[in-house]
Amino acid sequence: MHSPLWRLIPPIQVSGSMQMRIDLWLLEQYLSGNHPPVLRFYTWDPVAISLGYHQRRWPQRWEELRWQGMPIELVRRPTGGRAVLHHGDLTYMVVMSDPDVGEGTGAKRSPVGGYEAICEFLIAGWRSLGVALQYGRAGRGYRQTANCFATATGADLVLPSGEKFIGSAQLRRNGAVLQQGSMQLNPSPELFSEVFGTEGRVHSGLPILSLPLEVLREWAIASLVESASSCFGVQLISQPLSEGEWDEINCFSHPNLVCGEDSKEGSERGDGC
């Protein structure tokens, strides 16, 4: 019996606003029955701060921040959670059927169960690289902090030290889920402090994380692709976005791409990150 086929889109480095457009377009294509489940990894150029969909307050100075002479882009994610600084990180994205819905019944299970069903491939992939991860626990100050990585929730993955390493958040709609997450491979303490002030804590690092960033990203992607295939029981087929798909993405518009829009179409957003 053949394994189900998923699409693996090779890494893309573009602006944060374009990355969000791509993710939402892929979700819409999946919901329309035009696209299989998809996994992709990407980076942000220029450096960006992504806001959770429901995050309505942030320091005004963020809109004027610069790093190494370039403006820092301010972007709103379609998923929930707090602000994430995208510099020295690797972002993953999954679109698939919602694992939080009981198979054949449509009944909802525990919200955390949906995260755990997806995040297992992250735990397995990093374990093969010698990095042990476990689920975090929600801290009392989560709602009071703007920084996603200042505290953890049950949907986040932390190092043995308790420091947060991967923050994830979801958008669930009509039996499908879009999950996005940031893996802090080589965070800059200086930049985190510039953006978040006293909340700008980052993990203290692990031996493997001292590798050159591009090498570490390549190793991480290779390991996570293998673990995703095993954990989801699927065959991942690498296929870049075609010219026609890029044309559709460039013309794509959606209310979730507009800052300040209210949640529509009965969507649910997880506050994992």
Protein backbone atom coordinates (compact mmCIF):
# COMPACT_ATOMS: atom_id res chain seq x y z
CA MET A 1 0.00 0.00 0.00
CA HIS A 2 1.42 3.35 -1.05
CA SER A 3 1.92 6.15 1.47
CA PRO A 4 -0.11 9.34 0.97
CA LEU A 5 1.72 12.03 -1.00
CA TRP A 6 2.56 15.42 0.49
CA ARG A 7 4.25 18.30 -1.25
CA LEU A 8 7.56 19.60 0.06
CA ILE A 9 8.30 23.13 -1.16
CA PRO A 10 12.05 23.91 -1.14
CA PRO A 11 13.18 26.78 1.11
CA ILE A 12 12.24 30.29 -0.02
CA GLN A 13 13.80 33.49 1.30
CA VAL A 14 11.55 36.49 0.64
CA SER A 15 9.86 39.20 2.70
CA GLY A 16 7.66 38.28 5.63
CA SER A 17 4.56 39.70 3.98
CA MET A 18 5.15 37.47 0.95
CA GLN A 19 5.77 34.42 3.14
CA MET A 20 2.40 34.98 4.84
CA ARG A 21 0.74 35.39 1.45
CA ILE A 22 2.23 32.08 0.29
CA ASP A 23 1.07 30.25 3.43
CA LEU A 24 -2.49 31.55 3.17
CA TRP A 25 -2.65 30.80 -0.54
CA LEU A 26 -1.54 27.22 0.13
CA LEU A 27 -4.23 26.85 2.81
CA GLU A 28 -6.90 28.16 0.43
CA GLN A 29 -5.73 25.80 -2.31
CA TYR A 30 -5.90 22.86 0.10
CA LEU A 31 -9.40 23.83 1.26
CA SER A 32 -10.50 24.07 -2.38
CA GLY A 33 -9.24 20.56 -3.08
CA ASN A 34 -6.62 21.84 -5.51
CA HIS A 35 -3.55 20.99 -3.47
CA PRO A 36 -2.26 18.12 -1.30
CA PRO A 37 -1.00 18.61 2.26
CA VAL A 38 2.20 20.62 2.25
CA LEU A 39 5.32 21.14 4.35
CA ARG A 40 7.79 23.92 3.80
CA PHE A 41 10.64 25.74 5.54
CA TYR A 42 11.64 29.34 4.98
CA THR A 43 13.57 32.38 6.17
CA TRP A 44 12.73 36.08 6.24
CA ASP A 45 14.45 38.78 4.21
CA PRO A 46 14.59 41.47 5.46
CA VAL A 47 14.58 40.85 9.23
CA ALA A 48 10.96 40.94 10.41
CA ILE A 49 8.73 41.00 13.47
CA SER A 50 5.57 38.96 12.96
CA LEU A 51 2.54 39.78 15.10
CA GLY A 52 -0.04 37.22 16.17
CA TYR A 53 -3.35 37.66 14.36
CA HIS A 54 -5.16 38.94 17.47
CA GLN A 55 -2.22 40.97 18.81
CA ARG A 56 -3.52 44.53 18.84
CA ARG A 57 -0.84 46.30 20.88
CA TRP A 58 2.84 46.74 20.21
CA PRO A 59 5.41 49.50 20.77
CA GLN A 60 5.12 52.25 18.18
CA ARG A 61 8.91 52.29 17.88
CA TRP A 62 8.77 48.86 16.22
CA GLU A 63 7.50 50.58 13.10
CA GLU A 64 10.75 52.54 12.86
CA LEU A 65 13.30 49.89 13.89
CA ARG A 66 16.32 49.21 11.72
CA TRP A 67 18.97 46.50 11.80
CA GLN A 68 22.30 46.81 10.02
CA GLY A 69 20.98 49.79 8.10
CA MET A 70 17.79 48.07 6.87
CA PRO A 71 14.22 48.61 8.11
CA ILE A 72 12.74 45.75 10.13
CA GLU A 73 9.51 44.64 8.49
CA LEU A 74 6.37 44.45 10.65
CA VAL A 75 4.03 41.68 9.50
CA ARG A 76 0.82 40.13 10.80
CA ARG A 77 0.55 36.35 10.79
CA PRO A 78 -2.73 34.55 10.02
CA THR A 79 -2.08 32.41 13.13
CA GLY A 80 -2.42 33.35 16.80
CA GLY A 81 0.12 34.07 19.49
CA ARG A 82 2.55 36.87 20.32
CA ALA A 83 5.27 38.72 18.41
CA VAL A 84 8.17 36.75 16.92
CA LEU A 85 11.49 38.25 15.84
CA HIS A 86 12.66 36.53 12.68
CA HIS A 87 16.45 36.77 12.60
CA GLY A 88 18.71 33.76 12.83
CA ASP A 89 15.69 31.47 12.90
CA LEU A 90 14.10 28.87 10.63
CA THR A 91 10.34 28.89 10.08
CA TYR A 92 8.31 25.78 9.28
CA MET A 93 4.78 25.63 7.94
CA VAL A 94 2.35 22.72 7.59
CA VAL A 95 -1.06 22.60 5.90
CA MET A 96 -2.97 19.38 6.49
CA SER A 97 -6.28 17.97 7.72
CA ASP A 98 -6.99 19.07 11.27
CA PRO A 99 -5.67 16.39 13.68
CA ASP A 100 -7.76 18.01 16.43
CA VAL A 101 -10.99 16.65 14.88
CA GLY A 102 -11.93 13.10 15.73
CA GLU A 103 -11.66 10.94 12.64
CA GLY A 104 -15.03 10.10 11.13
CA THR A 105 -16.96 11.90 13.89
CA GLY A 106 -16.18 15.59 13.46
CA ALA A 107 -15.95 15.79 17.25
CA LYS A 108 -13.36 18.08 18.78
CA ARG A 109 -10.67 16.66 21.01
CA SER A 110 -8.37 18.59 23.34
CA PRO A 111 -6.92 21.68 21.55
CA VAL A 112 -3.45 20.71 22.76
CA GLY A 113 -3.85 17.36 21.00
CA GLY A 114 -3.78 19.04 17.60
CA TYR A 115 -0.47 20.69 18.37
CA GLU A 116 1.07 17.51 19.73
CA ALA A 117 0.00 15.51 16.68
CA ILE A 118 1.92 17.92 14.44
CA CYS A 119 4.83 18.81 16.73
CA GLU A 120 5.91 15.19 17.13
CA PHE A 121 7.93 15.46 13.92
CA LEU A 122 9.80 18.44 15.38
CA ILE A 123 10.69 16.51 18.53
CA ALA A 124 11.81 13.47 16.51
CA GLY A 125 13.80 15.50 13.99
CA TRP A 126 15.73 17.48 16.58
CA ARG A 127 16.27 14.36 18.69
CA SER A 128 18.15 12.81 15.76
CA LEU A 129 20.45 15.86 15.86
CA GLY A 130 21.06 15.41 19.58
CA VAL A 131 18.67 18.12 20.78
CA ALA A 132 16.09 16.95 23.34
CA LEU A 133 12.83 18.91 23.35
CA GLN A 134 9.71 18.72 25.49
CA TYR A 135 6.44 20.62 25.72
CA GLY A 136 6.41 23.80 27.75
CA ARG A 137 3.92 24.94 30.36
CA ALA A 138 1.99 28.17 30.16
CA GLY A 139 3.44 30.85 32.40
CA ARG A 140 1.39 33.41 34.28
CA GLY A 141 2.87 36.29 32.33
CA TYR A 142 2.07 34.96 28.84
CA ARG A 143 -0.76 37.40 28.14
CA GLN A 144 1.21 40.34 29.50
CA THR A 145 4.27 39.94 27.27
CA ALA A 146 4.61 40.95 23.62
CA ASN A 147 7.49 38.51 23.03
CA CYS A 148 6.49 35.01 21.96
CA PHE A 149 9.79 33.59 23.24
CA ALA A 150 9.67 35.24 26.67
CA THR A 151 7.50 32.41 28.00
CA ALA A 152 6.15 29.04 26.84
CA THR A 153 2.75 27.40 26.53
CA GLY A 154 1.74 23.77 26.19
CA ALA A 155 1.99 24.14 22.41
CA ASP A 156 5.65 25.22 22.51
CA LEU A 157 8.83 23.14 22.65
CA VAL A 158 11.53 23.89 25.21
CA LEU A 159 15.10 22.77 25.83
CA PRO A 160 16.06 20.71 28.92
CA SER A 161 16.95 24.02 30.58
CA GLY A 162 13.33 25.13 30.17
CA GLU A 163 14.30 27.77 27.60
CA LYS A 164 11.93 28.05 24.66
CA PHE A 165 13.32 26.81 21.35
CA ILE A 166 10.29 26.43 19.06
CA GLY A 167 7.12 28.51 19.19
CA SER A 168 4.12 27.42 17.11
CA ALA A 169 0.65 28.77 16.35
CA GLN A 170 -2.31 27.62 14.28
CA LEU A 171 -5.17 28.71 12.07
CA ARG A 172 -7.90 26.05 11.86
CA ARG A 173 -10.68 26.25 9.31
CA ASN A 174 -13.24 23.85 7.88
CA GLY A 175 -11.38 20.69 8.89
CA ALA A 176 -7.95 21.96 7.85
CA VAL A 177 -5.10 23.45 9.84
CA LEU A 178 -2.28 25.84 8.99
CA GLN A 179 0.48 25.59 11.59
CA GLN A 180 3.46 27.96 11.56
CA GLY A 181 6.43 27.86 13.89
CA SER A 182 9.79 29.53 14.47
CA MET A 183 12.91 27.62 15.49
CA GLN A 184 15.44 29.95 17.12
CA LEU A 185 18.68 28.56 15.73
CA ASN A 186 21.04 31.49 16.23
CA PRO A 187 19.18 34.39 17.88
CA SER A 188 21.01 37.67 18.38
CA PRO A 189 20.83 38.73 22.06
CA GLU A 190 21.62 42.28 20.97
CA LEU A 191 18.73 42.47 18.51
CA PHE A 192 16.29 40.71 20.87
CA SER A 193 17.18 43.26 23.54
CA GLU A 194 16.74 46.12 21.06
CA VAL A 195 13.26 44.89 20.11
CA PHE A 196 11.90 43.53 23.39
CA GLY A 197 13.97 45.27 26.06
CA THR A 198 14.06 43.32 29.32
CA GLU A 199 11.74 40.69 27.77
CA GLY A 200 14.33 39.95 25.09
CA ARG A 201 15.62 36.70 26.56
CA VAL A 202 16.95 34.04 24.19
CA HIS A 203 18.21 30.52 24.86
CA SER A 204 21.84 30.13 25.85
CA GLY A 205 22.57 27.70 23.02
CA LEU A 206 23.66 24.09 22.51
CA PRO A 207 26.84 22.67 20.94
CA ILE A 208 25.12 21.88 17.63
CA LEU A 209 23.74 25.42 17.50
CA SER A 210 27.29 26.78 17.25
CA LEU A 211 27.56 25.51 13.67
CA PRO A 212 27.43 28.10 10.87
CA LEU A 213 23.81 29.16 10.51
CA GLU A 214 23.38 28.03 6.91
CA VAL A 215 24.87 24.61 7.70
CA LEU A 216 22.61 24.24 10.72
CA ARG A 217 19.55 25.18 8.66
CA GLU A 218 20.42 22.57 6.03
CA TRP A 219 20.96 19.87 8.67
CA ALA A 220 17.73 20.79 10.44
CA ILE A 221 15.64 20.74 7.27
CA ALA A 222 17.04 17.37 6.17
CA SER A 223 16.37 15.84 9.58
CA LEU A 224 12.88 17.33 9.88
CA VAL A 225 11.86 16.23 6.38
CA GLU A 226 12.82 12.67 7.29
CA SER A 227 10.99 12.79 10.61
CA ALA A 228 7.89 14.33 9.01
CA SER A 229 7.71 11.50 6.50
CA SER A 230 7.97 8.95 9.32
CA CYS A 231 5.68 10.66 11.85
CA PHE A 232 2.91 11.46 9.36
CA GLY A 233 3.33 8.22 7.40
CA VAL A 234 3.61 10.07 4.10
CA GLN A 235 5.88 10.41 1.09
CA LEU A 236 7.17 13.96 0.63
CA ILE A 237 7.65 15.03 -2.98
CA SER A 238 9.88 18.09 -3.47
CA GLN A 239 8.30 20.55 -5.88
CA PRO A 240 9.14 24.27 -6.12
CA LEU A 241 6.43 26.81 -6.75
CA SER A 242 5.83 27.13 -10.49
CA GLU A 243 5.70 30.39 -12.43
CA GLY A 244 1.94 30.02 -12.68
CA GLU A 245 1.63 29.54 -8.92
CA TRP A 246 3.79 32.60 -8.29
CA ASP A 247 1.46 34.58 -10.56
CA GLU A 248 -1.55 33.40 -8.55
CA ILE A 249 0.16 34.18 -5.24
CA ASN A 250 1.09 37.69 -6.37
CA CYS A 251 -2.56 38.34 -7.26
CA PHE A 252 -3.92 36.65 -4.13
CA SER A 253 -5.83 38.77 -1.64
CA HIS A 254 -7.38 37.68 1.64
CA PRO A 255 -8.80 39.50 4.70
CA ASN A 256 -6.23 37.75 6.91
CA LEU A 257 -3.51 39.65 5.07
CA VAL A 258 -4.91 42.97 6.29
CA CYS A 259 -3.89 44.19 9.74
CA GLY A 260 -6.81 44.92 12.01
CA GLU A 261 -9.38 42.70 10.30
CA ASP A 262 -11.63 40.67 12.58
CA SER A 263 -11.63 36.90 12.46
CA LYS A 264 -13.94 35.67 9.72
CA GLU A 265 -15.45 32.47 8.34
CA GLY A 266 -15.55 30.72 11.72
CA SER A 267 -11.79 30.43 11.89
CA GLU A 268 -9.99 29.45 15.09
CA ARG A 269 -6.50 30.58 15.96
CA GLY A 270 -4.31 28.89 18.52
CA ASP A 271 -2.24 31.01 20.87
CA GLY A 272 0.69 28.65 20.99
CA CYS A 273 3.46 31.03 20.03
